[in-house]
Amino acid sequence: MSDTLTAISPSDIRAQRQVDALLEQEGIRRDGNLDYTCGLFDEDWRLAATGSCFQNTIRCLAVDRSRQGEGLLNQVVSHLMEVQAQRGNAHLFLYTKPQSAIFFGDLGFYEIARVEDSLVFMENRRQGFQDYCAALEQTRREGRSAAVVMNANPFTLGHLHLVEKAAAENDAVHLFVLSEEAGPIPFAVRRRLVREGTAHLPNIICHDSGPYIISGATFPSYFLKDEDTVIRAHAALDLAVFGKIAPCLSITSRYVGEERASHVTALYNREMARRLPELGIQCQIVPRLAHGGAPVSASTVRQAIHDGRLEDIRPLVPETTWRCFNSPEAGPVIAAIRNEPDVIHY
């Protein structure tokens, strides 16, 4: 049997329908975040196997049941790894079901963390996660240590309120800024605003989240049943990884802002409140800072910038954030925010 392995164009409707059908056969729905898809077709141009990429992750892998056991998935994954190499991505990640983890281990992937019977998070570097943790250990401080994880998109007085409370109650606070580029404000700008906005707090240690603290854009939703299941699994995987990071820094508590408006964040917080104590970490949910009767949020700040009401953000952000957005250098960032169709993230 002669098979052909080829890229599948988004405009190839027939092939795309075959991909959807094959994924559905395997209980997988197409991921919304894909930037490359390939297919292995038989001589009658029927799809036998498929796989996709998003950034430096491999996902949406499936083989037709009538062709399983022929090594087709190995061919697909090898092809996707070649595509990633051409992109310059040497450090790769994938998410798979637990029963498939052994197979990917044979292809050179190593387990980072897993969520019960639903997900395994893997990478193609034997020491990748261990090296990340070893680097973090160099910043460990004596005494009581806490963690805060934030996107800071941008850094607001609400973020500062959360960090200041953690700083007042702990000897050290490890502040992780999500480093994925997933919005109109570049990571370099977000990180700088966090560092400038917390410079008056001597016990804050800022970290890039790197690829190990999971982000919404790279998290796979494709073999989960519904949105709430996705959120819970996302939180569970994040916390499974965080549970391995925390001991490196002697972290005993994680601070998070209370959430009432966002269903996604509220569900995430509930999962943290349930799972963190099981890891020996306290979950400190802090009431949100309010202004004018409404919680201070990055979404509100972005909306004001989007609508051309820059002056409205001044009472919602630290002076360092205000100076940044009120300067000529912020022009490209402001333009990017104004070009976003929807700046309210839930």
C-alpha atoms as a PDB file:
ATOM      1  CA  MET A   1       0.000   0.000   0.000  1.00  0.00           C
ATOM      2  CA  SER A   2       1.446   3.349  -1.085  1.00  0.00           C
ATOM      3  CA  ASP A   3       0.738   6.238   1.309  1.00  0.00           C
ATOM      4  CA  THR A   4       1.397   9.949   0.790  1.00  0.00           C
ATOM      5  CA  LEU A   5       2.258  12.256   3.691  1.00  0.00           C
ATOM      6  CA  THR A   6       1.539  15.908   2.912  1.00  0.00           C
ATOM      7  CA  ALA A   7       0.565  19.237   4.408  1.00  0.00           C
ATOM      8  CA  ILE A   8      -3.165  20.001   4.382  1.00  0.00           C
ATOM      9  CA  SER A   9      -4.089  23.500   3.308  1.00  0.00           C
ATOM     10  CA  PRO A  10      -6.850  25.321   5.220  1.00  0.00           C
ATOM     11  CA  SER A  11      -8.547  25.831   1.857  1.00  0.00           C
ATOM     12  CA  ASP A  12      -8.629  22.082   1.055  1.00  0.00           C
ATOM     13  CA  ILE A  13     -12.226  21.531   2.139  1.00  0.00           C
ATOM     14  CA  ARG A  14     -12.352  17.812   1.288  1.00  0.00           C
ATOM     15  CA  ALA A  15      -9.189  17.028   3.251  1.00  0.00           C
ATOM     16  CA  GLN A  16     -10.260  19.210   6.158  1.00  0.00           C
ATOM     17  CA  ARG A  17     -13.553  17.324   6.358  1.00  0.00           C
ATOM     18  CA  GLN A  18     -11.639  14.057   6.459  1.00  0.00           C
ATOM     19  CA  VAL A  19      -9.493  15.419   9.289  1.00  0.00           C
ATOM     20  CA  ASP A  20     -12.589  16.362  11.287  1.00  0.00           C
ATOM     21  CA  ALA A  21     -14.148  12.944  10.678  1.00  0.00           C
ATOM     22  CA  LEU A  22     -10.998  11.088  11.717  1.00  0.00           C
ATOM     23  CA  LEU A  23     -10.584  13.181  14.854  1.00  0.00           C
ATOM     24  CA  GLU A  24     -14.227  12.634  15.746  1.00  0.00           C
ATOM     25  CA  GLN A  25     -13.781   8.873  15.282  1.00  0.00           C
ATOM     26  CA  GLU A  26     -11.075   9.002  17.940  1.00  0.00           C
ATOM     27  CA  GLY A  27     -13.147  11.153  20.307  1.00  0.00           C
ATOM     28  CA  ILE A  28     -11.174  14.295  19.491  1.00  0.00           C
ATOM     29  CA  ARG A  29     -12.522  17.655  18.390  1.00  0.00           C
ATOM     30  CA  ARG A  30     -10.398  19.980  16.297  1.00  0.00           C
ATOM     31  CA  ASP A  31      -8.346  22.367  18.379  1.00  0.00           C
ATOM     32  CA  GLY A  32      -8.991  26.053  17.801  1.00  0.00           C
ATOM     33  CA  ASN A  33      -5.272  26.805  17.951  1.00  0.00           C
ATOM     34  CA  LEU A  34      -3.565  25.164  14.962  1.00  0.00           C
ATOM     35  CA  ASP A  35      -1.026  26.619  12.544  1.00  0.00           C
ATOM     36  CA  TYR A  36      -0.074  23.490  10.570  1.00  0.00           C
ATOM     37  CA  THR A  37      -1.880  20.238   9.758  1.00  0.00           C
ATOM     38  CA  CYS A  38      -0.658  17.214   7.830  1.00  0.00           C
ATOM     39  CA  GLY A  39      -2.277  14.032   6.616  1.00  0.00           C
ATOM     40  CA  LEU A  40      -1.193  10.572   5.539  1.00  0.00           C
ATOM     41  CA  PHE A  41      -3.391   9.518   2.597  1.00  0.00           C
ATOM     42  CA  ASP A  42      -3.722   6.106   0.954  1.00  0.00           C
ATOM     43  CA  GLU A  43      -3.615   5.627  -2.813  1.00  0.00           C
ATOM     44  CA  ASP A  44      -7.349   6.396  -3.053  1.00  0.00           C
ATOM     45  CA  TRP A  45      -6.656   9.668  -1.211  1.00  0.00           C
ATOM     46  CA  ARG A  46      -8.462   8.568   1.938  1.00  0.00           C
ATOM     47  CA  LEU A  47      -7.039   9.973   5.157  1.00  0.00           C
ATOM     48  CA  ALA A  48      -5.313   7.307   7.255  1.00  0.00           C
ATOM     49  CA  ALA A  49      -3.598   9.504   9.859  1.00  0.00           C
ATOM     50  CA  THR A  50      -3.307  13.162  10.795  1.00  0.00           C
ATOM     51  CA  GLY A  51      -1.483  15.490  13.156  1.00  0.00           C
ATOM     52  CA  SER A  52      -1.094  19.231  13.733  1.00  0.00           C
ATOM     53  CA  CYS A  53       1.097  21.876  15.346  1.00  0.00           C
ATOM     54  CA  PHE A  54       0.490  25.070  17.210  1.00  0.00           C
ATOM     55  CA  GLN A  55       3.627  27.100  17.890  1.00  0.00           C
ATOM     56  CA  ASN A  56       6.034  24.594  19.471  1.00  0.00           C
ATOM     57  CA  THR A  57       3.370  22.055  20.469  1.00  0.00           C
ATOM     58  CA  ILE A  58       2.220  18.908  18.654  1.00  0.00           C
ATOM     59  CA  ARG A  59      -1.476  18.076  18.864  1.00  0.00           C
ATOM     60  CA  CYS A  60      -4.609  16.590  17.245  1.00  0.00           C
ATOM     61  CA  LEU A  61      -3.009  13.233  16.419  1.00  0.00           C
ATOM     62  CA  ALA A  62      -5.226  10.439  15.125  1.00  0.00           C
ATOM     63  CA  VAL A  63      -4.962   7.213  13.094  1.00  0.00           C
ATOM     64  CA  ASP A  64      -7.835   5.451  11.350  1.00  0.00           C
ATOM     65  CA  ARG A  65      -8.785   2.355  13.339  1.00  0.00           C
ATOM     66  CA  SER A  66      -8.448   0.120  10.302  1.00  0.00           C
ATOM     67  CA  ARG A  67      -4.788   1.189   9.944  1.00  0.00           C
ATOM     68  CA  GLN A  68      -3.658   1.176  13.562  1.00  0.00           C
ATOM     69  CA  GLY A  69      -0.595  -0.889  14.332  1.00  0.00           C
ATOM     70  CA  GLU A  70       1.142   0.015  11.055  1.00  0.00           C
ATOM     71  CA  GLY A  71       3.430   2.691  12.491  1.00  0.00           C
ATOM     72  CA  LEU A  72       1.546   5.549  10.848  1.00  0.00           C
ATOM     73  CA  LEU A  73       1.540   7.766  13.933  1.00  0.00           C
ATOM     74  CA  ASN A  74       5.305   7.449  14.097  1.00  0.00           C
ATOM     75  CA  GLN A  75       5.514   8.796  10.533  1.00  0.00           C
ATOM     76  CA  VAL A  76       3.174  11.694  11.301  1.00  0.00           C
ATOM     77  CA  VAL A  77       5.006  12.704  14.500  1.00  0.00           C
ATOM     78  CA  SER A  78       8.409  12.437  12.789  1.00  0.00           C
ATOM     79  CA  HIS A  79       7.129  14.713  10.013  1.00  0.00           C
ATOM     80  CA  LEU A  80       5.781  17.245  12.506  1.00  0.00           C
ATOM     81  CA  MET A  81       9.117  17.256  14.337  1.00  0.00           C
ATOM     82  CA  GLU A  82      10.839  18.018  11.010  1.00  0.00           C
ATOM     83  CA  VAL A  83       8.401  20.888  10.431  1.00  0.00           C
ATOM     84  CA  GLN A  84       9.186  22.232  13.899  1.00  0.00           C
ATOM     85  CA  ALA A  85      12.917  21.954  13.228  1.00  0.00           C
ATOM     86  CA  GLN A  86      12.474  23.995  10.035  1.00  0.00           C
ATOM     87  CA  ARG A  87      10.679  26.621  12.119  1.00  0.00           C
ATOM     88  CA  GLY A  88      13.631  26.704  14.495  1.00  0.00           C
ATOM     89  CA  ASN A  89      11.702  25.062  17.338  1.00  0.00           C
ATOM     90  CA  ALA A  90      13.998  22.546  19.027  1.00  0.00           C
ATOM     91  CA  HIS A  91      12.126  22.378  22.339  1.00  0.00           C
ATOM     92  CA  LEU A  92       8.768  20.699  21.711  1.00  0.00           C
ATOM     93  CA  PHE A  93       5.760  19.899  23.863  1.00  0.00           C
ATOM     94  CA  LEU A  94       2.750  17.677  23.484  1.00  0.00           C
ATOM     95  CA  TYR A  95      -0.312  16.653  25.439  1.00  0.00           C
ATOM     96  CA  THR A  96      -1.647  13.147  25.191  1.00  0.00           C
ATOM     97  CA  LYS A  97      -3.927  10.665  26.870  1.00  0.00           C
ATOM     98  CA  PRO A  98      -2.209   8.548  29.549  1.00  0.00           C
ATOM     99  CA  GLN A  99      -2.503   5.362  27.499  1.00  0.00           C
ATOM    100  CA  SER A 100      -0.441   6.970  24.699  1.00  0.00           C
ATOM    101  CA  ALA A 101       2.361   8.315  26.914  1.00  0.00           C
ATOM    102  CA  ILE A 102       4.509   5.171  26.539  1.00  0.00           C
ATOM    103  CA  PHE A 103       4.365   5.462  22.748  1.00  0.00           C
ATOM    104  CA  PHE A 104       5.600   9.067  22.844  1.00  0.00           C
ATOM    105  CA  GLY A 105       8.273   8.068  25.324  1.00  0.00           C
ATOM    106  CA  ASP A 106       9.636   5.761  22.631  1.00  0.00           C
ATOM    107  CA  LEU A 107       9.756   8.787  20.291  1.00  0.00           C
ATOM    108  CA  GLY A 108      11.923  10.770  22.709  1.00  0.00           C
ATOM    109  CA  PHE A 109       9.339  12.637  24.786  1.00  0.00           C
ATOM    110  CA  TYR A 110       9.489  12.815  28.586  1.00  0.00           C
ATOM    111  CA  GLU A 111       6.681  13.304  31.059  1.00  0.00           C
ATOM    112  CA  ILE A 112       6.480  16.603  32.920  1.00  0.00           C
ATOM    113  CA  ALA A 113       3.176  16.142  34.739  1.00  0.00           C
ATOM    114  CA  ARG A 114      -0.158  14.368  34.424  1.00  0.00           C
ATOM    115  CA  VAL A 115      -3.754  14.892  35.488  1.00  0.00           C
ATOM    116  CA  GLU A 116      -5.284  11.720  36.836  1.00  0.00           C
ATOM    117  CA  ASP A 117      -6.666   9.677  33.935  1.00  0.00           C
ATOM    118  CA  SER A 118      -7.113  12.484  31.413  1.00  0.00           C
ATOM    119  CA  LEU A 119      -3.872  14.244  30.370  1.00  0.00           C
ATOM    120  CA  VAL A 120      -0.107  13.849  30.244  1.00  0.00           C
ATOM    121  CA  PHE A 121       2.109  16.870  29.493  1.00  0.00           C
ATOM    122  CA  MET A 122       5.412  15.914  27.782  1.00  0.00           C
ATOM    123  CA  GLU A 123       8.509  17.518  26.263  1.00  0.00           C
ATOM    124  CA  ASN A 124      11.350  16.295  24.059  1.00  0.00           C
ATOM    125  CA  ARG A 125      14.149  17.279  26.459  1.00  0.00           C
ATOM    126  CA  ARG A 126      15.105  14.784  29.120  1.00  0.00           C
ATOM    127  CA  GLN A 127      16.308  17.468  31.533  1.00  0.00           C
ATOM    128  CA  GLY A 128      14.179  20.389  30.343  1.00  0.00           C
ATOM    129  CA  PHE A 129      11.873  20.720  33.319  1.00  0.00           C
ATOM    130  CA  GLN A 130      14.598  19.692  35.776  1.00  0.00           C
ATOM    131  CA  ASP A 131      16.895  22.418  34.417  1.00  0.00           C
ATOM    132  CA  TYR A 132      14.068  24.979  34.727  1.00  0.00           C
ATOM    133  CA  CYS A 133      13.519  23.994  38.363  1.00  0.00           C
ATOM    134  CA  ALA A 134      17.260  24.025  39.067  1.00  0.00           C
ATOM    135  CA  ALA A 135      17.494  27.610  37.779  1.00  0.00           C
ATOM    136  CA  LEU A 136      14.567  28.616  40.000  1.00  0.00           C
ATOM    137  CA  GLU A 137      16.258  27.081  43.035  1.00  0.00           C
ATOM    138  CA  GLN A 138      19.040  29.637  42.707  1.00  0.00           C
ATOM    139  CA  THR A 139      16.516  32.344  43.694  1.00  0.00           C
ATOM    140  CA  ARG A 140      15.186  30.597  46.794  1.00  0.00           C
ATOM    141  CA  ARG A 141      15.055  32.767  49.920  1.00  0.00           C
ATOM    142  CA  GLU A 142      14.972  31.906  53.607  1.00  0.00           C
ATOM    143  CA  GLY A 143      11.715  32.206  55.526  1.00  0.00           C
ATOM    144  CA  ARG A 144       8.105  32.024  54.431  1.00  0.00           C
ATOM    145  CA  SER A 145       7.700  32.069  50.635  1.00  0.00           C
ATOM    146  CA  ALA A 146       4.612  32.614  48.470  1.00  0.00           C
ATOM    147  CA  ALA A 147       3.807  32.737  44.769  1.00  0.00           C
ATOM    148  CA  VAL A 148       1.725  34.929  42.485  1.00  0.00           C
ATOM    149  CA  VAL A 149       1.097  34.075  38.827  1.00  0.00           C
ATOM    150  CA  MET A 150      -0.215  36.777  36.506  1.00  0.00           C
ATOM    151  CA  ASN A 151      -0.542  37.786  32.884  1.00  0.00           C
ATOM    152  CA  ALA A 152      -0.459  41.515  33.808  1.00  0.00           C
ATOM    153  CA  ASN A 153      -1.996  42.572  30.530  1.00  0.00           C
ATOM    154  CA  PRO A 154      -1.254  45.343  31.570  1.00  0.00           C
ATOM    155  CA  PHE A 155      -0.134  45.677  35.207  1.00  0.00           C
ATOM    156  CA  THR A 156      -2.894  47.447  37.173  1.00  0.00           C
ATOM    157  CA  LEU A 157      -3.468  48.655  40.726  1.00  0.00           C
ATOM    158  CA  GLY A 158      -5.460  45.444  41.166  1.00  0.00           C
ATOM    159  CA  HIS A 159      -2.355  43.397  40.428  1.00  0.00           C
ATOM    160  CA  LEU A 160      -0.311  45.639  42.709  1.00  0.00           C
ATOM    161  CA  HIS A 161      -2.846  45.229  45.530  1.00  0.00           C
ATOM    162  CA  LEU A 162      -2.521  41.439  45.284  1.00  0.00           C
ATOM    163  CA  VAL A 163       1.287  41.534  45.204  1.00  0.00           C
ATOM    164  CA  GLU A 164       1.545  44.010  48.090  1.00  0.00           C
ATOM    165  CA  LYS A 165      -0.654  41.820  50.289  1.00  0.00           C
ATOM    166  CA  ALA A 166       1.468  38.774  49.512  1.00  0.00           C
ATOM    167  CA  ALA A 167       4.645  40.773  50.144  1.00  0.00           C
ATOM    168  CA  ALA A 168       3.359  42.012  53.523  1.00  0.00           C
ATOM    169  CA  GLU A 169       2.542  38.493  54.705  1.00  0.00           C
ATOM    170  CA  ASN A 170       5.648  36.644  53.480  1.00  0.00           C
ATOM    171  CA  ASP A 171       9.415  36.898  53.571  1.00  0.00           C
ATOM    172  CA  ALA A 172       9.629  36.293  49.824  1.00  0.00           C
ATOM    173  CA  VAL A 173       7.149  36.383  46.945  1.00  0.00           C
ATOM    174  CA  HIS A 174       7.971  34.648  43.668  1.00  0.00           C
ATOM    175  CA  LEU A 175       6.028  36.505  40.976  1.00  0.00           C
ATOM    176  CA  PHE A 176       5.634  34.575  37.705  1.00  0.00           C
ATOM    177  CA  VAL A 177       4.690  36.628  34.641  1.00  0.00           C
ATOM    178  CA  LEU A 178       3.161  34.530  31.854  1.00  0.00           C
ATOM    179  CA  SER A 179       5.651  34.795  29.036  1.00  0.00           C
ATOM    180  CA  GLU A 180       3.555  33.595  26.107  1.00  0.00           C
ATOM    181  CA  GLU A 181       2.791  36.170  23.420  1.00  0.00           C
ATOM    182  CA  ALA A 182      -1.003  35.838  23.378  1.00  0.00           C
ATOM    183  CA  GLY A 183      -2.322  39.386  23.246  1.00  0.00           C
ATOM    184  CA  PRO A 184      -1.726  42.927  22.011  1.00  0.00           C
ATOM    185  CA  ILE A 185       0.710  43.850  24.806  1.00  0.00           C
ATOM    186  CA  PRO A 186       4.101  42.167  24.237  1.00  0.00           C
ATOM    187  CA  PHE A 187       5.619  40.088  27.013  1.00  0.00           C
ATOM    188  CA  ALA A 188       8.652  42.385  27.218  1.00  0.00           C
ATOM    189  CA  VAL A 189       6.356  45.328  27.988  1.00  0.00           C
ATOM    190  CA  ARG A 190       4.263  43.372  30.508  1.00  0.00           C
ATOM    191  CA  ARG A 191       7.361  42.109  32.315  1.00  0.00           C
ATOM    192  CA  ARG A 192       8.887  45.597  32.477  1.00  0.00           C
ATOM    193  CA  LEU A 193       5.686  47.102  33.880  1.00  0.00           C
ATOM    194  CA  VAL A 194       5.514  44.394  36.559  1.00  0.00           C
ATOM    195  CA  ARG A 195       9.119  44.959  37.573  1.00  0.00           C
ATOM    196  CA  GLU A 196       8.799  48.737  37.603  1.00  0.00           C
ATOM    197  CA  GLY A 197       5.475  48.585  39.447  1.00  0.00           C
ATOM    198  CA  THR A 198       6.864  46.335  42.203  1.00  0.00           C
ATOM    199  CA  ALA A 199      10.329  47.893  42.487  1.00  0.00           C
ATOM    200  CA  HIS A 200       9.462  49.346  45.903  1.00  0.00           C
ATOM    201  CA  LEU A 201       8.937  45.839  47.333  1.00  0.00           C
ATOM    202  CA  PRO A 202      12.340  44.353  48.208  1.00  0.00           C
ATOM    203  CA  ASN A 203      11.062  40.810  48.767  1.00  0.00           C
ATOM    204  CA  ILE A 204       9.613  40.327  45.253  1.00  0.00           C
ATOM    205  CA  ILE A 205      11.469  37.977  42.899  1.00  0.00           C
ATOM    206  CA  CYS A 206      10.185  38.157  39.320  1.00  0.00           C
ATOM    207  CA  HIS A 207      10.306  35.134  37.015  1.00  0.00           C
ATOM    208  CA  ASP A 208       9.345  34.448  33.419  1.00  0.00           C
ATOM    209  CA  SER A 209       6.817  31.620  33.424  1.00  0.00           C
ATOM    210  CA  GLY A 210       8.538  29.945  30.495  1.00  0.00           C
ATOM    211  CA  PRO A 211       6.743  27.020  28.852  1.00  0.00           C
ATOM    212  CA  TYR A 212       5.898  25.180  32.063  1.00  0.00           C
ATOM    213  CA  ILE A 213       3.258  27.350  33.683  1.00  0.00           C
ATOM    214  CA  ILE A 214       0.437  26.595  31.297  1.00  0.00           C
ATOM    215  CA  SER A 215      -1.213  29.307  29.217  1.00  0.00           C
ATOM    216  CA  GLY A 216      -4.653  29.451  27.657  1.00  0.00           C
ATOM    217  CA  ALA A 217      -3.453  29.635  24.063  1.00  0.00           C
ATOM    218  CA  THR A 218      -1.258  26.546  24.221  1.00  0.00           C
ATOM    219  CA  PHE A 219      -3.497  24.409  26.393  1.00  0.00           C
ATOM    220  CA  PRO A 220      -5.199  21.596  24.465  1.00  0.00           C
ATOM    221  CA  SER A 221      -8.976  21.463  24.602  1.00  0.00           C
ATOM    222  CA  TYR A 222      -9.356  19.015  21.784  1.00  0.00           C
ATOM    223  CA  PHE A 223     -10.096  15.818  23.678  1.00  0.00           C
ATOM    224  CA  LEU A 224     -12.170  17.282  26.476  1.00  0.00           C
ATOM    225  CA  LYS A 225     -15.956  17.205  26.479  1.00  0.00           C
ATOM    226  CA  ASP A 226     -17.022  20.786  27.201  1.00  0.00           C
ATOM    227  CA  GLU A 227     -15.706  24.195  28.184  1.00  0.00           C
ATOM    228  CA  ASP A 228     -16.028  23.676  31.946  1.00  0.00           C
ATOM    229  CA  THR A 229     -14.128  20.400  31.620  1.00  0.00           C
ATOM    230  CA  VAL A 230     -11.438  22.259  29.685  1.00  0.00           C
ATOM    231  CA  ILE A 231     -11.132  24.899  32.401  1.00  0.00           C
ATOM    232  CA  ARG A 232     -10.927  22.346  35.199  1.00  0.00           C
ATOM    233  CA  ALA A 233      -8.386  20.235  33.342  1.00  0.00           C
ATOM    234  CA  HIS A 234      -6.346  23.341  32.486  1.00  0.00           C
ATOM    235  CA  ALA A 235      -6.273  24.309  36.155  1.00  0.00           C
ATOM    236  CA  ALA A 236      -5.478  20.749  37.241  1.00  0.00           C
ATOM    237  CA  LEU A 237      -2.526  20.502  34.841  1.00  0.00           C
ATOM    238  CA  ASP A 238      -1.260  23.949  35.791  1.00  0.00           C
ATOM    239  CA  LEU A 239      -1.393  22.968  39.447  1.00  0.00           C
ATOM    240  CA  ALA A 240       0.249  19.595  38.848  1.00  0.00           C
ATOM    241  CA  VAL A 241       3.198  21.442  37.283  1.00  0.00           C
ATOM    242  CA  PHE A 242       3.133  24.151  39.948  1.00  0.00           C
ATOM    243  CA  GLY A 243       3.141  21.444  42.632  1.00  0.00           C
ATOM    244  CA  LYS A 244       6.555  20.363  41.327  1.00  0.00           C
ATOM    245  CA  ILE A 245       7.870  23.934  41.092  1.00  0.00           C
ATOM    246  CA  ALA A 246       6.786  25.040  44.570  1.00  0.00           C
ATOM    247  CA  PRO A 247       9.199  22.823  46.563  1.00  0.00           C
ATOM    248  CA  CYS A 248      12.152  24.228  44.592  1.00  0.00           C
ATOM    249  CA  LEU A 249      11.362  27.645  46.061  1.00  0.00           C
ATOM    250  CA  SER A 250       9.931  26.503  49.434  1.00  0.00           C
ATOM    251  CA  ILE A 251       6.572  28.023  48.408  1.00  0.00           C
ATOM    252  CA  THR A 252       3.821  27.336  50.942  1.00  0.00           C
ATOM    253  CA  SER A 253       1.057  29.605  49.612  1.00  0.00           C
ATOM    254  CA  ARG A 254      -0.240  30.992  46.329  1.00  0.00           C
ATOM    255  CA  TYR A 255      -2.127  34.291  46.152  1.00  0.00           C
ATOM    256  CA  VAL A 256      -4.923  34.851  43.662  1.00  0.00           C
ATOM    257  CA  GLY A 257      -7.482  37.601  43.167  1.00  0.00           C
ATOM    258  CA  GLU A 258     -11.122  36.898  43.947  1.00  0.00           C
ATOM    259  CA  GLU A 259     -13.255  36.629  40.816  1.00  0.00           C
ATOM    260  CA  ARG A 260     -16.997  37.142  40.450  1.00  0.00           C
ATOM    261  CA  ALA A 261     -17.432  38.433  36.903  1.00  0.00           C
ATOM    262  CA  SER A 262     -15.473  35.827  34.920  1.00  0.00           C
ATOM    263  CA  HIS A 263     -16.855  32.283  34.890  1.00  0.00           C
ATOM    264  CA  VAL A 264     -13.514  30.948  33.631  1.00  0.00           C
ATOM    265  CA  THR A 265     -11.416  32.562  36.354  1.00  0.00           C
ATOM    266  CA  ALA A 266     -13.925  31.687  39.068  1.00  0.00           C
ATOM    267  CA  LEU A 267     -13.831  28.005  38.071  1.00  0.00           C
ATOM    268  CA  TYR A 268     -10.039  28.137  37.957  1.00  0.00           C
ATOM    269  CA  ASN A 269      -9.945  29.636  41.446  1.00  0.00           C
ATOM    270  CA  ARG A 270     -12.225  26.916  42.787  1.00  0.00           C
ATOM    271  CA  GLU A 271      -9.916  24.256  41.393  1.00  0.00           C
ATOM    272  CA  MET A 272      -6.952  25.988  43.066  1.00  0.00           C
ATOM    273  CA  ALA A 273      -8.797  26.190  46.380  1.00  0.00           C
ATOM    274  CA  ARG A 274      -9.507  22.458  46.154  1.00  0.00           C
ATOM    275  CA  ARG A 275      -6.211  21.138  44.804  1.00  0.00           C
ATOM    276  CA  LEU A 276      -3.500  23.348  46.313  1.00  0.00           C
ATOM    277  CA  PRO A 277      -4.059  22.156  49.926  1.00  0.00           C
ATOM    278  CA  GLU A 278      -3.621  18.580  48.651  1.00  0.00           C
ATOM    279  CA  LEU A 279      -0.127  19.684  47.581  1.00  0.00           C
ATOM    280  CA  GLY A 280       0.610  21.262  50.947  1.00  0.00           C
ATOM    281  CA  ILE A 281       0.110  24.801  49.587  1.00  0.00           C
ATOM    282  CA  GLN A 282      -2.376  27.310  50.962  1.00  0.00           C
ATOM    283  CA  CYS A 283      -4.641  29.057  48.471  1.00  0.00           C
ATOM    284  CA  GLN A 284      -5.016  32.697  49.491  1.00  0.00           C
ATOM    285  CA  ILE A 285      -7.966  34.255  47.634  1.00  0.00           C
ATOM    286  CA  VAL A 286      -7.731  38.025  48.023  1.00  0.00           C
ATOM    287  CA  PRO A 287     -10.755  40.360  47.547  1.00  0.00           C
ATOM    288  CA  ARG A 288     -10.359  42.456  44.417  1.00  0.00           C
ATOM    289  CA  LEU A 289      -9.427  46.123  44.666  1.00  0.00           C
ATOM    290  CA  ALA A 290     -12.359  48.281  43.556  1.00  0.00           C
ATOM    291  CA  HIS A 291     -12.607  51.734  41.999  1.00  0.00           C
ATOM    292  CA  GLY A 292     -15.921  53.521  41.584  1.00  0.00           C
ATOM    293  CA  GLY A 293     -17.772  50.454  42.804  1.00  0.00           C
ATOM    294  CA  ALA A 294     -16.264  48.118  40.176  1.00  0.00           C
ATOM    295  CA  PRO A 295     -13.272  45.741  40.441  1.00  0.00           C
ATOM    296  CA  VAL A 296     -10.070  47.066  38.912  1.00  0.00           C
ATOM    297  CA  SER A 297      -9.231  44.783  35.998  1.00  0.00           C
ATOM    298  CA  ALA A 298      -6.849  44.654  33.062  1.00  0.00           C
ATOM    299  CA  SER A 299      -9.856  44.121  30.778  1.00  0.00           C
ATOM    300  CA  THR A 300     -11.318  47.458  31.876  1.00  0.00           C
ATOM    301  CA  VAL A 301      -7.972  49.148  31.203  1.00  0.00           C
ATOM    302  CA  ARG A 302      -7.685  47.589  27.743  1.00  0.00           C
ATOM    303  CA  GLN A 303     -11.273  48.564  26.906  1.00  0.00           C
ATOM    304  CA  ALA A 304     -10.604  52.189  27.827  1.00  0.00           C
ATOM    305  CA  ILE A 305      -7.464  52.223  25.658  1.00  0.00           C
ATOM    306  CA  HIS A 306      -9.357  50.510  22.850  1.00  0.00           C
ATOM    307  CA  ASP A 307     -12.088  53.156  22.979  1.00  0.00           C
ATOM    308  CA  GLY A 308      -9.632  56.064  22.956  1.00  0.00           C
ATOM    309  CA  ARG A 309     -10.255  56.972  26.606  1.00  0.00           C
ATOM    310  CA  LEU A 310      -6.636  56.858  27.727  1.00  0.00           C
ATOM    311  CA  GLU A 311      -7.138  59.317  30.600  1.00  0.00           C
ATOM    312  CA  ASP A 312      -9.674  56.917  32.149  1.00  0.00           C
ATOM    313  CA  ILE A 313      -6.955  54.373  32.955  1.00  0.00           C
ATOM    314  CA  ARG A 314      -4.999  56.746  35.181  1.00  0.00           C
ATOM    315  CA  PRO A 315      -6.836  55.900  38.460  1.00  0.00           C
ATOM    316  CA  LEU A 316      -6.659  52.156  37.630  1.00  0.00           C
ATOM    317  CA  VAL A 317      -2.935  51.683  37.105  1.00  0.00           C
ATOM    318  CA  PRO A 318       0.328  52.416  38.963  1.00  0.00           C
ATOM    319  CA  GLU A 319       2.190  55.543  37.984  1.00  0.00           C
ATOM    320  CA  THR A 320       4.774  53.417  36.142  1.00  0.00           C
ATOM    321  CA  THR A 321       2.088  51.869  33.916  1.00  0.00           C
ATOM    322  CA  TRP A 322       0.502  55.264  33.303  1.00  0.00           C
ATOM    323  CA  ARG A 323       3.831  56.814  32.274  1.00  0.00           C
ATOM    324  CA  CYS A 324       4.395  53.972  29.821  1.00  0.00           C
ATOM    325  CA  PHE A 325       1.006  54.289  28.103  1.00  0.00           C
ATOM    326  CA  ASN A 326       1.174  58.087  28.112  1.00  0.00           C
ATOM    327  CA  SER A 327       4.524  58.080  26.299  1.00  0.00           C
ATOM    328  CA  PRO A 328       5.310  58.058  22.555  1.00  0.00           C
ATOM    329  CA  GLU A 329       6.890  54.581  22.830  1.00  0.00           C
ATOM    330  CA  ALA A 330       3.463  53.126  23.650  1.00  0.00           C
ATOM    331  CA  GLY A 331       2.112  54.078  20.232  1.00  0.00           C
ATOM    332  CA  PRO A 332       2.457  50.609  18.635  1.00  0.00           C
ATOM    333  CA  VAL A 333       0.982  48.882  21.691  1.00  0.00           C
ATOM    334  CA  ILE A 334      -1.981  51.265  21.841  1.00  0.00           C
ATOM    335  CA  ALA A 335      -2.544  50.741  18.116  1.00  0.00           C
ATOM    336  CA  ALA A 336      -2.484  46.960  18.613  1.00  0.00           C
ATOM    337  CA  ILE A 337      -5.065  47.202  21.415  1.00  0.00           C
ATOM    338  CA  ARG A 338      -7.320  49.426  19.300  1.00  0.00           C
ATOM    339  CA  ASN A 339      -7.100  46.939  16.431  1.00  0.00           C
ATOM    340  CA  GLU A 340      -8.283  44.062  18.640  1.00  0.00           C
ATOM    341  CA  PRO A 341     -11.933  43.156  17.909  1.00  0.00           C
ATOM    342  CA  ASP A 342     -12.510  42.098  21.525  1.00  0.00           C
ATOM    343  CA  VAL A 343     -10.291  43.164  24.413  1.00  0.00           C
ATOM    344  CA  ILE A 344     -12.419  41.659  27.191  1.00  0.00           C
ATOM    345  CA  HIS A 345     -10.960  38.239  28.049  1.00  0.00           C
ATOM    346  CA  TYR A 346     -12.882  35.723  30.088  1.00  0.00           C
END
